[in-house]
Protein backbone atom coordinates (compact mmCIF):
# COMPACT_ATOMS: atom_id res chain seq x y z
CA UNK A 1 127.88 114.27 26.52
CA UNK A 2 125.43 117.16 27.02
CA UNK A 3 125.31 118.50 23.53
CA UNK A 4 123.09 121.49 24.57
CA UNK A 5 125.22 122.65 27.38
CA UNK A 6 128.48 122.31 25.45
CA UNK A 7 127.27 124.43 22.76
CA UNK A 8 126.36 127.21 25.21
CA UNK A 9 129.96 127.09 26.45
CA UNK A 10 131.51 127.63 22.91
CA UNK A 11 132.22 130.86 21.37
CA UNK A 12 131.21 132.01 18.04
CA UNK A 13 134.62 131.59 16.55
CA UNK A 14 134.87 128.02 18.28
CA UNK A 15 131.44 127.04 16.61
CA UNK A 16 132.73 128.06 13.20
CA UNK A 17 135.85 126.38 13.35
CA UNK A 18 134.47 123.27 14.59
CA UNK A 19 132.77 123.12 11.07
CA UNK A 20 136.34 122.05 9.57
CA UNK A 21 138.87 119.73 10.29
CA UNK A 22 142.32 119.82 11.83
CA UNK A 23 145.10 118.55 9.67
CA UNK A 24 143.98 115.64 7.57
CA UNK A 25 142.33 113.52 9.96
CA UNK A 26 141.08 115.09 13.16
CA UNK A 27 138.34 117.48 14.39
CA UNK A 28 138.81 120.61 16.43
CA UNK A 29 138.93 120.69 20.10
CA UNK A 30 137.70 124.13 20.69
CA UNK A 31 140.84 125.36 22.58
CA UNK A 32 140.68 122.24 24.81
CA UNK A 33 136.79 122.53 25.73
CA UNK A 34 136.14 119.27 23.87
CA UNK A 35 138.04 116.08 22.78
CA UNK A 36 139.44 115.87 19.29
CA UNK A 37 138.85 112.63 17.51
CA UNK A 38 140.52 110.88 14.81
CA UNK A 39 139.27 109.43 11.49
CA UNK A 40 141.08 107.31 8.79
CA UNK A 41 140.74 105.67 5.49
CA UNK A 42 139.23 102.36 5.17
CA UNK A 43 137.25 100.52 3.85
CA UNK A 44 139.29 97.26 3.62
CA UNK A 45 141.53 97.90 6.73
CA UNK A 46 143.04 100.79 8.95
CA UNK A 47 145.39 103.41 7.26
CA UNK A 48 146.57 105.37 10.10
CA UNK A 49 149.78 107.37 9.26
CA UNK A 50 153.03 106.72 11.47
CA UNK A 51 153.42 110.64 11.28
CA UNK A 52 150.82 112.88 9.74
CA UNK A 53 151.77 114.59 6.46
CA UNK A 54 149.41 116.26 4.23
CA UNK A 55 148.68 114.15 1.17
CA UNK A 56 150.76 111.07 2.37
CA UNK A 57 149.36 107.56 1.63
CA UNK A 58 152.31 105.45 1.69
CA UNK A 59 153.69 105.39 5.31
CA UNK A 60 150.75 104.06 7.13
CA UNK A 61 151.05 101.90 10.27
CA UNK A 62 150.89 98.14 9.58
CA UNK A 63 147.43 96.85 9.80
CA UNK A 64 145.39 93.85 8.56
CA UNK A 65 144.57 94.06 5.02
CA UNK A 66 141.16 92.31 4.49
CA UNK A 67 139.54 91.56 0.93
CA UNK A 68 138.50 94.47 -0.93
CA UNK A 69 134.74 94.93 -1.68
CA UNK A 70 134.98 93.71 -5.13
CA UNK A 71 135.98 90.17 -3.64
CA UNK A 72 133.94 90.19 -0.52
CA UNK A 73 130.79 90.87 -2.42
CA UNK A 74 131.25 87.42 -4.26
CA UNK A 75 130.54 85.74 -0.83
CA UNK A 76 126.77 87.08 -1.32
CA UNK A 77 126.96 86.84 2.56
CA UNK A 78 126.28 90.06 4.70
CA UNK A 79 127.14 88.07 8.02
CA UNK A 80 130.76 87.58 7.01
CA UNK A 81 131.07 91.18 5.64
CA UNK A 82 129.75 92.14 9.31
CA UNK A 83 132.51 90.13 10.62
CA UNK A 84 135.11 91.98 8.51
CA UNK A 85 133.52 95.07 9.96
CA UNK A 86 134.05 93.99 13.44
CA UNK A 87 137.61 92.86 12.72
CA UNK A 88 138.38 96.37 11.28
CA UNK A 89 136.66 98.24 14.24
CA UNK A 90 138.89 96.27 16.61
CA UNK A 91 141.91 97.67 15.23
CA UNK A 92 140.45 101.03 14.87
CA UNK A 93 140.00 100.77 18.74
CA UNK A 94 143.61 99.57 19.13
CA UNK A 95 144.76 102.90 17.28
CA UNK A 96 142.12 104.97 19.14
CA UNK A 97 140.57 105.87 15.77
CA UNK A 98 136.93 106.99 16.13
CA UNK A 99 135.73 106.79 12.50
CA UNK A 100 136.71 104.48 9.67
CA UNK A 101 135.90 106.10 6.26
CA UNK A 102 133.94 103.40 4.45
CA UNK A 103 132.57 101.48 3.07
CA UNK A 104 132.02 102.50 -0.60
CA UNK A 105 128.74 101.53 -2.31
CA UNK A 106 128.91 103.41 -5.70
CA UNK A 107 127.37 101.22 -8.36
CA UNK A 108 129.44 99.77 -10.99
CA UNK A 109 128.09 101.43 -13.94
CA UNK A 110 131.10 100.57 -16.01
CA UNK A 111 134.00 97.90 -15.49
CA UNK A 112 136.34 100.46 -16.58
CA UNK A 113 136.02 102.72 -13.44
CA UNK A 114 139.74 102.67 -11.83
CA UNK A 115 138.02 102.53 -8.21
CA UNK A 116 135.58 99.66 -8.73
CA UNK A 117 137.71 97.56 -6.43
CA UNK A 118 136.28 99.52 -3.48
CA UNK A 119 132.63 98.93 -4.53
CA UNK A 120 130.52 95.93 -4.10
CA UNK A 121 128.37 95.40 -7.29
CA UNK A 122 126.57 96.42 -10.23
CA UNK A 123 123.23 95.61 -8.37
CA UNK A 124 121.95 97.91 -5.84
CA UNK A 125 120.06 95.34 -3.75
CA UNK A 126 123.12 93.06 -3.23
CA UNK A 127 125.24 96.15 -2.64
CA UNK A 128 122.66 97.45 0.08
CA UNK A 129 122.61 94.19 1.99
CA UNK A 130 126.51 93.75 1.90
CA UNK A 131 126.85 97.17 3.12
CA UNK A 132 124.60 97.22 5.91
CA UNK A 133 126.56 94.21 7.06
CA UNK A 134 129.75 96.10 7.00
CA UNK A 135 128.27 99.35 8.81
CA UNK A 136 126.77 97.22 11.57
CA UNK A 137 130.05 95.29 12.08
CA UNK A 138 132.18 98.29 12.52
CA UNK A 139 129.55 100.43 14.58
CA UNK A 140 128.99 97.25 16.78
CA UNK A 141 132.14 98.17 18.71
CA UNK A 142 131.50 101.86 18.97
CA UNK A 143 133.48 102.89 15.97
CA UNK A 144 131.95 105.27 13.33
CA UNK A 145 131.47 104.92 9.80
CA UNK A 146 131.25 106.95 6.61
CA UNK A 147 129.17 105.79 3.83
CA UNK A 148 130.61 106.96 0.53
CA UNK A 149 130.64 108.43 -2.03
CA UNK A 150 127.07 110.02 -2.12
CA UNK A 151 126.26 110.16 -5.05
CA UNK A 152 126.35 108.85 -8.49
CA UNK A 153 129.91 108.78 -8.39
CA UNK A 154 130.85 106.22 -11.07
CA UNK A 155 134.13 107.27 -12.62
CA UNK A 156 137.51 108.77 -11.73
CA UNK A 157 138.09 110.65 -14.85
CA UNK A 158 137.42 114.50 -14.00
CA UNK A 159 136.23 113.14 -10.74
CA UNK A 160 136.45 116.80 -9.11
CA UNK A 161 134.47 118.53 -11.65
CA UNK A 162 132.28 115.90 -13.58
CA UNK A 163 128.63 116.40 -14.15
CA UNK A 164 126.54 113.32 -13.86
CA UNK A 165 123.36 113.96 -15.82
CA UNK A 166 120.74 111.54 -14.84
CA UNK A 167 116.89 111.10 -14.77
CA UNK A 168 114.83 110.68 -11.45
CA UNK A 169 114.02 106.91 -12.08
CA UNK A 170 117.35 105.86 -12.77
CA UNK A 171 118.93 107.92 -9.79
CA UNK A 172 116.33 106.40 -7.39
CA UNK A 173 116.21 102.79 -8.65
CA UNK A 174 119.91 102.30 -9.20
CA UNK A 175 122.25 104.82 -7.66
CA UNK A 176 120.45 105.77 -4.45
CA UNK A 177 118.79 102.66 -3.60
CA UNK A 178 121.72 100.98 -1.70
CA UNK A 179 122.40 104.26 0.21
CA UNK A 180 118.68 104.29 1.26
CA UNK A 181 118.71 100.80 2.42
CA UNK A 182 122.02 101.25 4.54
CA UNK A 183 120.81 104.75 5.89
CA UNK A 184 117.45 103.46 7.04
CA UNK A 185 118.86 99.89 8.48
CA UNK A 186 122.37 100.38 9.67
CA UNK A 187 122.19 104.12 10.44
CA UNK A 188 125.63 104.92 9.51
CA UNK A 189 127.52 107.57 11.61
CA UNK A 190 128.07 109.74 8.76
CA UNK A 191 127.58 109.83 4.93
CA UNK A 192 130.41 111.29 2.65
CA UNK A 193 129.37 113.82 -0.06
CA UNK A 194 131.20 113.10 -3.40
CA UNK A 195 133.35 115.19 -5.32
CA UNK A 196 131.11 115.19 -8.56
CA UNK A 197 128.15 117.32 -9.57
CA UNK A 198 125.03 115.59 -9.76
CA UNK A 199 122.55 117.38 -12.39
CA UNK A 200 124.69 120.39 -12.24
CA UNK A 201 125.09 120.86 -8.40
CA UNK A 202 128.10 119.45 -6.44
CA UNK A 203 127.48 116.69 -4.05
CA UNK A 204 128.87 118.62 -1.02
CA UNK A 205 126.45 121.47 -1.53
CA UNK A 206 123.25 119.46 -3.20
CA UNK A 207 120.41 120.35 -1.32
CA UNK A 208 118.22 117.92 -3.15
CA UNK A 209 120.49 115.04 -2.18
CA UNK A 210 121.75 116.25 1.37
CA UNK A 211 118.48 117.81 2.68
CA UNK A 212 115.53 116.81 0.64
CA UNK A 213 116.37 112.98 0.23
CA UNK A 214 118.76 112.26 3.01
CA UNK A 215 117.33 114.33 5.65
CA UNK A 216 113.60 114.83 4.87
CA UNK A 217 112.79 111.57 3.12
CA UNK A 218 115.13 109.00 4.90
CA UNK A 219 114.89 110.75 8.18
CA UNK A 220 118.62 110.53 8.57
CA UNK A 221 120.07 111.90 11.75
CA UNK A 222 123.69 111.37 11.19
CA UNK A 223 126.55 113.61 10.03
CA UNK A 224 127.46 114.53 6.55
CA UNK A 225 131.11 115.15 5.74
CA UNK A 226 132.96 116.06 2.57
CA UNK A 227 135.12 114.06 0.74
CA UNK A 228 138.54 115.43 1.07
CA UNK A 229 138.74 118.90 -0.71
CA UNK A 230 135.24 118.54 -1.97
CA UNK A 231 133.69 121.45 -0.40
CA UNK A 232 133.59 124.64 -2.52
CA UNK A 233 131.32 127.84 -1.74
CA UNK A 234 131.41 126.69 2.02
CA UNK A 235 128.59 128.75 3.01
CA UNK A 236 126.21 127.00 0.47
CA UNK A 237 127.53 123.54 1.44
CA UNK A 238 126.71 124.14 5.09
CA UNK A 239 123.21 125.52 4.43
CA UNK A 240 122.54 122.86 2.00
CA UNK A 241 123.27 119.87 4.37
CA UNK A 242 127.00 119.48 4.91
CA UNK A 243 128.06 118.89 8.63
CA UNK A 244 131.80 118.81 8.45
CA UNK A 245 134.46 119.82 5.93
CA UNK A 246 137.65 117.70 5.63
CA UNK A 247 140.41 118.33 5.46
CA UNK A 248 141.76 121.28 7.32
CA UNK A 249 140.31 124.61 5.57
CA UNK A 250 143.34 126.35 6.40
CA UNK A 251 141.60 129.39 7.82
CA UNK A 252 140.08 130.31 4.39
CA UNK A 253 136.49 128.70 4.66
CA UNK A 254 136.68 129.58 8.47
CA UNK A 255 137.05 133.31 7.65
CA UNK A 256 134.29 132.92 4.75
CA UNK A 257 131.84 131.53 7.42
CA UNK A 258 132.78 134.25 9.84
CA UNK A 259 131.92 136.95 7.21
CA UNK A 260 128.66 135.34 6.44
CA UNK A 261 127.82 135.04 10.17
CA UNK A 262 128.57 138.88 10.48
CA UNK A 263 126.71 140.10 7.76
CA UNK A 264 123.62 137.85 8.66
CA UNK A 265 123.60 135.19 5.85
CA UNK A 266 124.22 132.69 8.67
CA UNK A 267 121.83 132.73 11.69
CA UNK A 268 122.69 131.65 15.47
CA UNK A 269 119.96 129.13 15.03
CA UNK A 270 121.91 127.62 12.13
CA UNK A 271 125.28 127.88 13.60
CA UNK A 272 123.84 126.06 16.77
CA UNK A 273 122.25 123.36 14.73
CA UNK A 274 125.50 122.81 12.70
CA UNK A 275 127.69 122.76 16.07
CA UNK A 276 125.35 120.27 17.66
CA UNK A 277 125.42 118.08 14.57
CA UNK A 278 129.31 117.81 14.82
CA UNK A 279 129.28 117.30 18.54
CA UNK A 280 126.65 114.30 18.23
CA UNK A 281 127.81 112.63 15.37
CA UNK A 282 131.61 113.06 15.40
CA UNK A 283 133.04 114.44 18.88
CA UNK A 284 130.60 112.09 21.17
CA UNK A 285 132.41 109.17 19.59
CA UNK A 286 135.29 110.07 21.84
CA UNK A 287 133.39 108.25 24.67
CA UNK A 288 134.22 104.81 23.00
CA UNK A 289 138.09 105.29 22.92
CA UNK A 290 139.65 102.34 24.98
CA UNK A 291 143.16 102.86 26.35
CA UNK A 292 145.52 99.74 25.77
CA UNK A 293 142.97 97.83 23.77
CA UNK A 294 144.45 94.68 22.73
CA UNK A 295 144.11 92.90 19.50
CA UNK A 296 145.29 89.38 18.39
CA UNK A 297 146.84 90.23 15.01
CA UNK A 298 147.37 86.50 13.85
CA UNK A 299 143.75 85.92 14.53
CA UNK A 300 143.12 88.82 12.29
CA UNK A 301 145.04 87.40 9.60
CA UNK A 302 143.06 84.24 10.00
CA UNK A 303 139.67 86.07 9.81
CA UNK A 304 141.05 87.80 6.45
CA UNK A 305 141.93 84.36 5.28
CA UNK A 306 138.55 82.91 5.96
CA UNK A 307 136.91 85.88 4.29
CA UNK A 308 138.76 85.41 1.11
CA UNK A 309 138.07 81.60 1.17
CA UNK A 310 134.38 82.28 0.96
CA UNK A 311 135.02 85.01 -1.80
CA UNK A 312 137.26 83.47 -4.48
CA UNK A 313 135.28 82.43 -7.66
CA UNK A 314 135.81 79.23 -9.60
CA UNK A 315 135.23 80.41 -13.33
CA UNK A 316 136.29 77.15 -15.03
CA UNK A 317 137.38 73.64 -14.02
CA UNK A 318 137.93 70.79 -16.28
CA UNK A 319 138.97 68.66 -13.34
CA UNK A 320 142.40 70.32 -12.89
CA UNK A 321 141.56 71.49 -9.31
CA UNK A 322 141.73 70.57 -6.70
CA UNK A 323 145.18 69.16 -6.64
CA UNK A 324 146.35 66.06 -4.83
CA UNK A 325 149.34 66.00 -2.71
CA UNK A 326 150.96 63.32 -4.88
CA UNK A 327 151.34 65.95 -7.59
CA UNK A 328 153.97 68.23 -8.31
CA UNK A 329 153.16 71.93 -8.58
CA UNK A 330 154.80 74.18 -11.07
CA UNK A 331 154.07 77.88 -10.42
CA UNK A 332 154.59 80.16 -13.30
CA UNK A 333 154.39 84.28 -12.78
CA UNK A 334 155.59 86.92 -10.80
CA UNK A 335 152.10 87.53 -9.56
CA UNK A 336 152.70 84.33 -7.30
CA UNK A 337 155.75 85.93 -5.47
CA UNK A 338 154.70 89.80 -5.75
CA UNK A 339 151.05 89.32 -4.99
CA UNK A 340 148.44 91.74 -6.17
CA UNK A 341 146.22 91.89 -3.04
CA UNK A 342 144.82 95.29 -2.66
CA UNK A 343 143.92 98.28 -4.83
CA UNK A 344 146.16 101.72 -5.14
CA UNK A 345 145.16 105.04 -3.60
CA UNK A 346 143.64 106.32 -0.35
CA UNK A 347 142.76 102.67 0.65
CA UNK A 348 146.31 101.37 0.41
CA UNK A 349 147.37 99.56 3.48
CA UNK A 350 150.66 98.24 4.73
CA UNK A 351 149.83 94.58 5.77
CA UNK A 352 150.82 92.97 8.97
CA UNK A 353 152.17 90.02 7.27
CA UNK A 354 152.30 88.69 3.84
CA UNK A 355 152.79 84.85 2.89
CA UNK A 356 152.60 84.65 -0.88
CA UNK A 357 151.22 81.74 -2.76
CA UNK A 358 154.59 79.92 -3.53
CA UNK A 359 155.32 79.84 0.51
CA UNK A 360 151.62 79.14 1.16
CA UNK A 361 151.60 75.92 -1.13
CA UNK A 362 154.70 74.53 0.14
CA UNK A 363 153.56 74.81 3.68
CA UNK A 364 150.67 72.40 2.58
CA UNK A 365 153.37 69.90 1.81
CA UNK A 366 153.22 70.05 -1.89
CA UNK A 367 156.54 69.82 -3.91
CA UNK A 368 156.69 73.11 -5.74
CA UNK A 369 158.84 74.60 -8.43
CA UNK A 370 158.58 78.33 -9.22
CA UNK A 371 159.53 79.90 -12.54
CA UNK A 372 159.15 83.73 -12.63
CA UNK A 373 158.22 83.83 -16.42
CA UNK A 374 157.29 87.42 -16.62
CA UNK A 375 157.64 90.57 -14.76
CA UNK A 376 154.97 92.67 -13.28
CA UNK A 377 156.67 95.94 -13.95
CA UNK A 378 156.66 95.69 -17.74
CA UNK A 379 154.61 94.31 -20.42
CA UNK A 380 157.63 93.21 -22.51
CA UNK A 381 158.42 89.69 -22.87
CA UNK A 382 162.09 89.32 -23.97
CA UNK A 383 163.09 86.35 -26.34
CA UNK A 384 165.43 85.32 -23.74
CA UNK A 385 163.20 85.20 -20.79
CA UNK A 386 160.51 83.22 -22.93
CA UNK A 387 163.07 80.71 -24.19
CA UNK A 388 164.43 80.32 -20.45
CA UNK A 389 161.18 79.89 -19.17
CA UNK A 390 159.89 77.20 -21.57
CA UNK A 391 163.25 75.36 -21.43
CA UNK A 392 162.91 75.09 -17.52
CA UNK A 393 159.27 74.03 -17.75
CA UNK A 394 160.13 71.21 -20.18
CA UNK A 395 162.84 70.13 -17.56
CA UNK A 396 160.14 69.90 -14.65
CA UNK A 397 156.94 68.94 -16.57
CA UNK A 398 155.80 65.49 -16.37
CA UNK A 399 152.34 65.27 -17.80
CA UNK A 400 150.74 62.84 -15.42
CA UNK A 401 152.50 63.95 -12.25
CA UNK A 402 152.27 67.80 -12.57
CA UNK A 403 149.82 70.65 -12.42
CA UNK A 404 150.95 74.19 -13.57
CA UNK A 405 149.49 77.11 -11.71
CA UNK A 406 149.74 80.26 -13.74
CA UNK A 407 149.28 83.38 -12.02
CA UNK A 408 147.75 86.05 -14.12
CA UNK A 409 145.89 89.35 -13.81
CA UNK A 410 145.92 93.29 -13.59
CA UNK A 411 148.96 94.80 -12.16
CA UNK A 412 149.30 97.75 -9.95
CA UNK A 413 149.61 100.13 -12.97
CA UNK A 414 146.20 98.93 -14.52
CA UNK A 415 143.71 100.05 -11.97
CA UNK A 416 143.52 102.54 -8.98
CA UNK A 417 142.11 105.63 -7.60
CA UNK A 418 142.40 108.84 -9.69
CA UNK A 419 142.16 107.29 -13.25
CA UNK A 420 139.83 104.82 -15.13
CA UNK A 421 141.03 102.11 -17.46
CA UNK A 422 140.44 102.42 -21.24
CA UNK A 423 139.81 98.81 -21.85
CA UNK A 424 139.53 95.43 -20.34
CA UNK A 425 143.06 94.26 -21.37
CA UNK A 426 145.64 92.69 -19.13
CA UNK A 427 149.33 92.66 -19.55
CA UNK A 428 150.48 91.56 -22.74
CA UNK A 429 153.54 89.52 -21.57
CA UNK A 430 151.22 87.50 -19.36
CA UNK A 431 149.01 86.38 -22.28
CA UNK A 432 152.02 85.72 -24.56
CA UNK A 433 153.78 83.45 -22.20
CA UNK A 434 150.50 81.50 -21.28
CA UNK A 435 149.99 80.82 -24.90
CA UNK A 436 153.42 79.55 -25.46
CA UNK A 437 153.07 77.47 -22.32
CA UNK A 438 149.79 75.94 -23.46
CA UNK A 439 151.23 75.26 -27.01
CA UNK A 440 154.20 73.27 -25.28
CA UNK A 441 152.41 71.31 -22.82
CA UNK A 442 148.86 71.68 -23.62
CA UNK A 443 146.20 73.14 -21.55
CA UNK A 444 144.69 70.30 -19.65
CA UNK A 445 146.97 70.43 -16.64
CA UNK A 446 147.13 74.32 -16.27
CA UNK A 447 145.12 76.32 -13.99
CA UNK A 448 145.01 80.05 -14.10
CA UNK A 449 145.02 81.85 -10.51
CA UNK A 450 143.77 85.33 -11.52
CA UNK A 451 143.81 88.73 -9.81
CA UNK A 452 142.09 92.08 -10.51
CA UNK A 453 139.79 94.64 -8.77
CA UNK A 454 137.26 94.53 -11.80
CA UNK A 455 136.37 92.62 -14.67
CA UNK A 456 139.26 92.04 -17.36
CA UNK A 457 139.70 90.07 -20.64
CA UNK A 458 139.40 86.34 -19.88
CA UNK A 459 140.01 85.36 -23.36
CA UNK A 460 143.22 83.50 -22.17
CA UNK A 461 140.61 80.99 -20.75
CA UNK A 462 141.14 79.00 -24.07
CA UNK A 463 144.57 78.01 -22.82
CA UNK A 464 143.71 76.87 -19.45
CA UNK A 465 141.68 73.96 -18.00
CA UNK A 466 140.62 75.98 -14.76
CA UNK A 467 140.41 79.41 -13.64
CA UNK A 468 140.22 80.32 -9.87
CA UNK A 469 139.51 84.24 -9.64
CA UNK A 470 140.67 85.57 -6.57
CA UNK A 471 139.88 89.57 -7.15
CA UNK A 472 142.05 91.54 -4.62
CA UNK A 473 141.92 89.17 -1.69
CA UNK A 474 143.75 91.06 0.97
CA UNK A 475 146.94 90.04 2.96
CA UNK A 476 146.08 86.23 3.34
CA UNK A 477 145.41 85.96 -0.42
CA UNK A 478 148.31 83.75 -0.79
CA UNK A 479 147.34 81.28 2.22
CA UNK A 480 143.73 81.34 0.68
CA UNK A 481 145.01 80.15 -2.96
CA UNK A 482 146.72 77.30 -1.01
CA UNK A 483 143.53 76.40 1.01
CA UNK A 484 141.48 76.47 -2.24
CA UNK A 485 143.82 74.65 -4.76
CA UNK A 486 144.36 71.82 -2.10
CA UNK A 487 140.56 71.06 -1.67
CA UNK A 488 140.65 71.96 2.04
CA UNK A 489 138.17 74.63 1.01
CA UNK A 490 135.44 74.27 -1.65
CA UNK A 491 135.26 77.47 -3.78
CA UNK A 492 131.76 78.81 -3.25
CA UNK A 493 132.18 82.61 -4.59
CA UNK A 494 129.58 83.89 -7.04
CA UNK A 495 130.08 86.85 -9.22
CA UNK A 496 128.90 89.98 -7.89
CA UNK A 497 129.15 91.79 -11.37
CA UNK A 498 128.98 90.66 -15.00
CA UNK A 499 132.26 90.03 -16.98
CA UNK A 500 131.47 91.16 -20.55
CA UNK A 501 133.56 89.90 -23.64
CA UNK A 502 134.61 93.55 -24.32
CA UNK A 503 134.26 96.99 -22.90
CA UNK A 504 132.38 97.80 -26.07
CA UNK A 505 129.60 95.44 -25.00
CA UNK A 506 129.05 97.46 -21.83
CA UNK A 507 125.65 99.71 -21.70
CA UNK A 508 127.61 102.94 -20.72
CA UNK A 509 130.56 102.37 -23.38
CA UNK A 510 129.46 105.51 -25.56
CA UNK A 511 128.81 107.68 -22.56
CA UNK A 512 131.49 106.57 -19.91
CA UNK A 513 134.29 108.92 -18.85
CA UNK A 514 134.04 111.36 -21.98
CA UNK A 515 136.48 113.79 -22.76
CA UNK A 516 134.40 116.91 -20.99
CA UNK A 517 132.64 117.31 -17.70
CA UNK A 518 129.17 116.39 -18.80
CA UNK A 519 128.45 112.73 -18.25
CA UNK A 520 125.18 111.38 -19.76
CA UNK A 521 123.71 108.39 -18.07
CA UNK A 522 121.64 107.50 -21.25
CA UNK A 523 121.69 103.98 -20.39
CA UNK A 524 119.06 104.81 -17.93
CA UNK A 525 118.49 101.88 -15.47
CA UNK A 526 120.05 99.20 -17.71
CA UNK A 527 123.22 98.64 -15.74
CA UNK A 528 125.01 95.50 -15.39
CA UNK A 529 122.87 92.41 -16.03
CA UNK A 530 119.60 94.30 -16.55
CA UNK A 531 121.23 95.42 -19.76
CA UNK A 532 122.59 92.21 -20.96
CA UNK A 533 119.59 90.29 -20.09
CA UNK A 534 117.21 92.81 -21.33
CA UNK A 535 118.89 93.39 -24.84
CA UNK A 536 120.27 89.53 -25.12
CA UNK A 537 123.87 90.50 -25.27
CA UNK A 538 126.09 87.50 -24.48
CA UNK A 539 128.60 87.96 -21.83
CA UNK A 540 131.65 86.04 -20.80
CA UNK A 541 130.47 85.20 -17.39
CA UNK A 542 127.06 86.33 -15.96
CA UNK A 543 126.26 88.01 -12.84
CA UNK A 544 125.98 85.42 -10.11
CA UNK A 545 128.22 82.89 -11.74
CA UNK A 546 130.41 80.55 -9.86
CA UNK A 547 131.45 77.00 -9.77
CA UNK A 548 132.33 74.62 -7.03
CA UNK A 549 134.42 71.40 -6.80
CA UNK A 550 131.02 69.44 -6.19
CA UNK A 551 129.04 68.06 -8.92
CA UNK A 552 125.35 66.97 -8.64
CA UNK A 553 122.21 66.01 -10.80
CA UNK A 554 119.03 67.98 -10.62
CA UNK A 555 115.99 65.73 -11.30
CA UNK A 556 112.11 66.30 -11.69
């Protein structure tokens, strides 16, 4: 693509219109003079709508749902994150998508952030390494990426207006460090400017972040795209480093830019520079489109399964796991049947297949009894439901010959894009039922299989002999549970974040998601383990923690 020649052929109106999207997901074709490209949400799979409708996130085409960042981070293995990126890129090529919006690398300042499932870690070093793998994997097949959300985007509360007030050292060491690593090493196609303000200025028009740091210091040559609807005062946005506004400005911002050009606030040189950036970093990706690109979707599912197998974290095990085939398995909890495998919001994917844990464990050859126990959609545990569950358990349970797998964790309503959690609690009905079961049969033959995109209250640990934490493990999480509890796969995941005893133990507790726009980062660099270790605050499970089925001595 001859960028200079194309730029010369475009009219002023076409150049200005090119700076904003068309619909929710496409770039402008300049009246047929250039190709239009499509981008879609990621980051753990492709979310391409069957029929484009503004604001629709539920009717996407089936795609492989891979483990979320919170899960895959626990692999501590950039090589397998790269494999995930490659697998996602294959499906993007199949659907003729040019850019996957991802990955998200915001630092987990607090475990209460509703979108933490999309982010890797509380640690910028680990985040940078894992994200570099992801970006390299996707881009290796000629598919573009969008590294997000730049920057200091640590909460969902008031996310469109909040003002992250942060000192320079904390900004650099904690919140920009991973972005710098990925920008310099993986060279992402684009960077997505966040909704929030940073020290008073919105991310999409923040000259310090977009021009001074990103362009001048880090020598970034790629594009900068706004988060959807994040561009306000469009002239200021463009002058301070934005490349492309998304979604469609519906004529409003186009008219504003035309007016600014007419009265001389935008020069021909500026307009040409912006146009060439869109052509170079977005439109040029069209050359990588391939007609009739084939993808083996069963193979993709197996990739998702292997990724989750390397990511699950064994938090406790008093010889309950793995389970021999001679033992009867009693599965309790609706989360075993209606499994929680992804987060909610813009990253929501319609999976290509879903084998729940009950089916997958049966397929391994186990004798399985399933008892629903509780319902995912309510927190109430009715007396009749409790009695029926305990009665059926007593009929099925034989101490020496049985293992109980109790499925527990955060349900859909507990975490998601657009809102933050208030505490670390899990649904009360799950805890109440588990306590009753432990009192009835003892805890020594109970293994908890837990789910959630972020740290939660693990005080139920006292009622079980083992905990296998799956995070949000993608569409093959049921098959992965079966692989792990059978011992065919040895758990090797290590926590990429600290799990505290209480939200009140966390460093940002007093300052996180306040009832106003000004968010003070008073904890400074003491985020995650930096805080707990420096100030000797006890935690439930430390950063980097994770067991396996292997035991070994260390001598000398």
